[in-house]
Each structure stands twice: as C-alpha cells, then as structure tokens.
Amino acid sequence: MTSCTWKKSLPERNNGGVQTLYSVDSHLKFIKDQETKATMLEEKIQRVDARIISYNRKPSRDRLGNKRKGWKRLIGESQEEIHQLKDQNSWHRNEVKYYNH
C-alpha cells in the first residue's frame, strides 16, 4: 500500500471494534465523485480552449496576450488535476479489486 495524503479525505469506519480506513462502498463512491469532477474539468478545458481560439482569431481583443496566457495556465493546471484524479481512481479501483477477491 502506498502512502498518499489524499487517502485521509475518506471517513474512517468502525467494523466490529476494528477501525478500517475504507470499505468497498467508500472506494466506489470516491471513484464516482472523482470521475464526475474529472468530466467537469474536461468540459471546462474545452470551453476555455474555445475562448483561446476565439481570441486568437481577433488578437485586438487581447493585445498583450495576458488573458490567453492565463487561460493556457488554467488549462495546464486543470490537466494536471485530471491526471491526479485518474491516479487516485486507479488506486481505489485496485483496492476494490483487492477486497472483492
């Protein structure tokens, strides 16, 4: 098992006097929530990318390019967050497979 700071975000459960950090249900809920969040981020990236293309067609709207630079940075940060969400989801999927065997 790897140690990650995001594991602490799920509640602890008390199963018959033994504390466990996760159950299969909590893993599945976490996966579903993170997939929803990743989908929303991907949609946001598409909207921002469309804005950048629009501003590239009419550079007079953003002469110094500050808005486009900021949006590109936002896209990069969102892509990094999506990557982290997918890594977290793969860990949770592995845990579900482990508990289901």
Protein backbone atom coordinates (compact mmCIF):
# COMPACT_ATOMS: atom_id res chain seq x y z
CA MET A 1 0.00 0.00 0.00
CA THR A 2 1.32 3.43 -0.91
CA SER A 3 1.04 6.38 1.41
CA CYS A 4 -0.78 9.36 -0.02
CA THR A 5 -2.14 12.47 1.64
CA TRP A 6 -5.48 12.28 -0.19
CA LYS A 7 -6.35 8.97 1.50
CA LYS A 8 -7.26 10.90 4.63
CA SER A 9 -10.20 12.51 2.85
CA LEU A 10 -12.41 9.43 3.33
CA PRO A 11 -14.04 8.80 6.70
CA GLU A 12 -12.87 6.05 8.99
CA ARG A 13 -15.34 3.28 9.74
CA ASN A 14 -15.56 1.11 12.81
CA ASN A 15 -16.26 -2.50 11.82
CA GLY A 16 -16.76 -4.69 14.87
CA GLY A 17 -14.28 -2.81 17.03
CA VAL A 18 -11.59 -2.76 14.32
CA GLN A 19 -11.04 0.56 12.65
CA THR A 20 -10.61 0.44 8.91
CA LEU A 21 -9.98 3.42 6.70
CA TYR A 22 -12.13 2.32 3.80
CA SER A 23 -14.85 -0.03 2.69
CA VAL A 24 -15.62 -1.08 -0.85
CA ASP A 25 -18.61 1.28 -0.84
CA SER A 26 -16.49 4.27 0.12
CA HIS A 27 -13.97 3.40 -2.62
CA LEU A 28 -16.75 3.19 -5.21
CA LYS A 29 -18.29 6.47 -4.03
CA PHE A 30 -14.90 8.16 -4.19
CA ILE A 31 -14.33 6.83 -7.73
CA LYS A 32 -17.74 8.07 -8.89
CA ASP A 33 -17.23 11.53 -7.35
CA GLN A 34 -13.76 11.89 -8.85
CA GLU A 35 -14.91 10.75 -12.29
CA THR A 36 -17.65 13.39 -12.18
CA LYS A 37 -15.11 16.02 -11.19
CA ALA A 38 -12.72 14.93 -13.98
CA THR A 39 -15.53 15.14 -16.54
CA MET A 40 -16.41 18.65 -15.38
CA LEU A 41 -12.75 19.69 -15.65
CA GLU A 42 -12.50 18.27 -19.18
CA GLU A 43 -15.60 20.26 -20.19
CA LYS A 44 -14.09 23.37 -18.64
CA ILE A 45 -10.88 22.82 -20.62
CA GLN A 46 -12.89 22.60 -23.84
CA ARG A 47 -14.73 25.87 -23.09
CA VAL A 48 -11.52 27.70 -22.22
CA ASP A 49 -9.77 26.30 -25.29
CA ALA A 50 -12.64 27.60 -27.45
CA ARG A 51 -12.17 31.03 -25.84
CA ILE A 52 -8.46 30.96 -26.63
CA ILE A 53 -9.20 30.11 -30.27
CA SER A 54 -11.70 32.96 -30.41
CA TYR A 55 -9.15 35.42 -29.03
CA ASN A 56 -6.50 34.11 -31.46
CA ARG A 57 -8.82 34.98 -34.35
CA LYS A 58 -9.22 38.54 -33.07
CA PRO A 59 -5.96 39.45 -31.34
CA SER A 60 -7.15 43.03 -30.86
CA ARG A 61 -9.35 41.76 -28.01
CA ASP A 62 -6.24 40.76 -26.06
CA ARG A 63 -3.30 42.74 -27.43
CA LEU A 64 -0.72 41.68 -24.87
CA GLY A 65 -1.98 38.11 -24.70
CA ASN A 66 -2.42 38.17 -20.92
CA LYS A 67 -5.87 36.57 -20.97
CA ARG A 68 -4.72 33.83 -23.32
CA LYS A 69 -1.63 33.15 -21.21
CA GLY A 70 -3.75 32.93 -18.08
CA TRP A 71 -6.22 30.60 -19.75
CA LYS A 72 -3.40 28.38 -21.01
CA ARG A 73 -2.04 28.20 -17.47
CA LEU A 74 -5.55 27.33 -16.24
CA ILE A 75 -5.76 24.54 -18.83
CA GLY A 76 -2.38 23.17 -17.71
CA GLU A 77 -3.43 23.19 -14.06
CA SER A 78 -6.73 21.50 -14.90
CA GLN A 79 -4.97 18.82 -16.94
CA GLU A 80 -2.62 18.16 -14.02
CA GLU A 81 -5.59 17.86 -11.67
CA ILE A 82 -7.30 15.42 -14.06
CA HIS A 83 -4.10 13.34 -14.12
CA GLN A 84 -4.03 13.27 -10.30
CA LEU A 85 -7.72 12.29 -10.17
CA LYS A 86 -7.09 9.40 -12.57
CA ASP A 87 -4.14 8.24 -10.45
CA GLN A 88 -6.30 8.32 -7.35
CA ASN A 89 -9.08 6.45 -9.11
CA SER A 90 -6.71 3.72 -10.27
CA TRP A 91 -5.55 3.23 -6.67
CA HIS A 92 -9.16 3.00 -5.45
CA ARG A 93 -10.03 0.55 -8.25
CA ASN A 94 -7.10 -1.65 -7.21
CA GLU A 95 -8.34 -1.57 -3.62
CA VAL A 96 -11.85 -2.59 -4.72
CA LYS A 97 -10.36 -5.50 -6.70
CA TYR A 98 -8.27 -6.49 -3.67
CA TYR A 99 -11.28 -6.52 -1.32
CA ASN A 100 -13.52 -8.34 -3.81
CA HIS A 101 -11.15 -11.33 -4.11
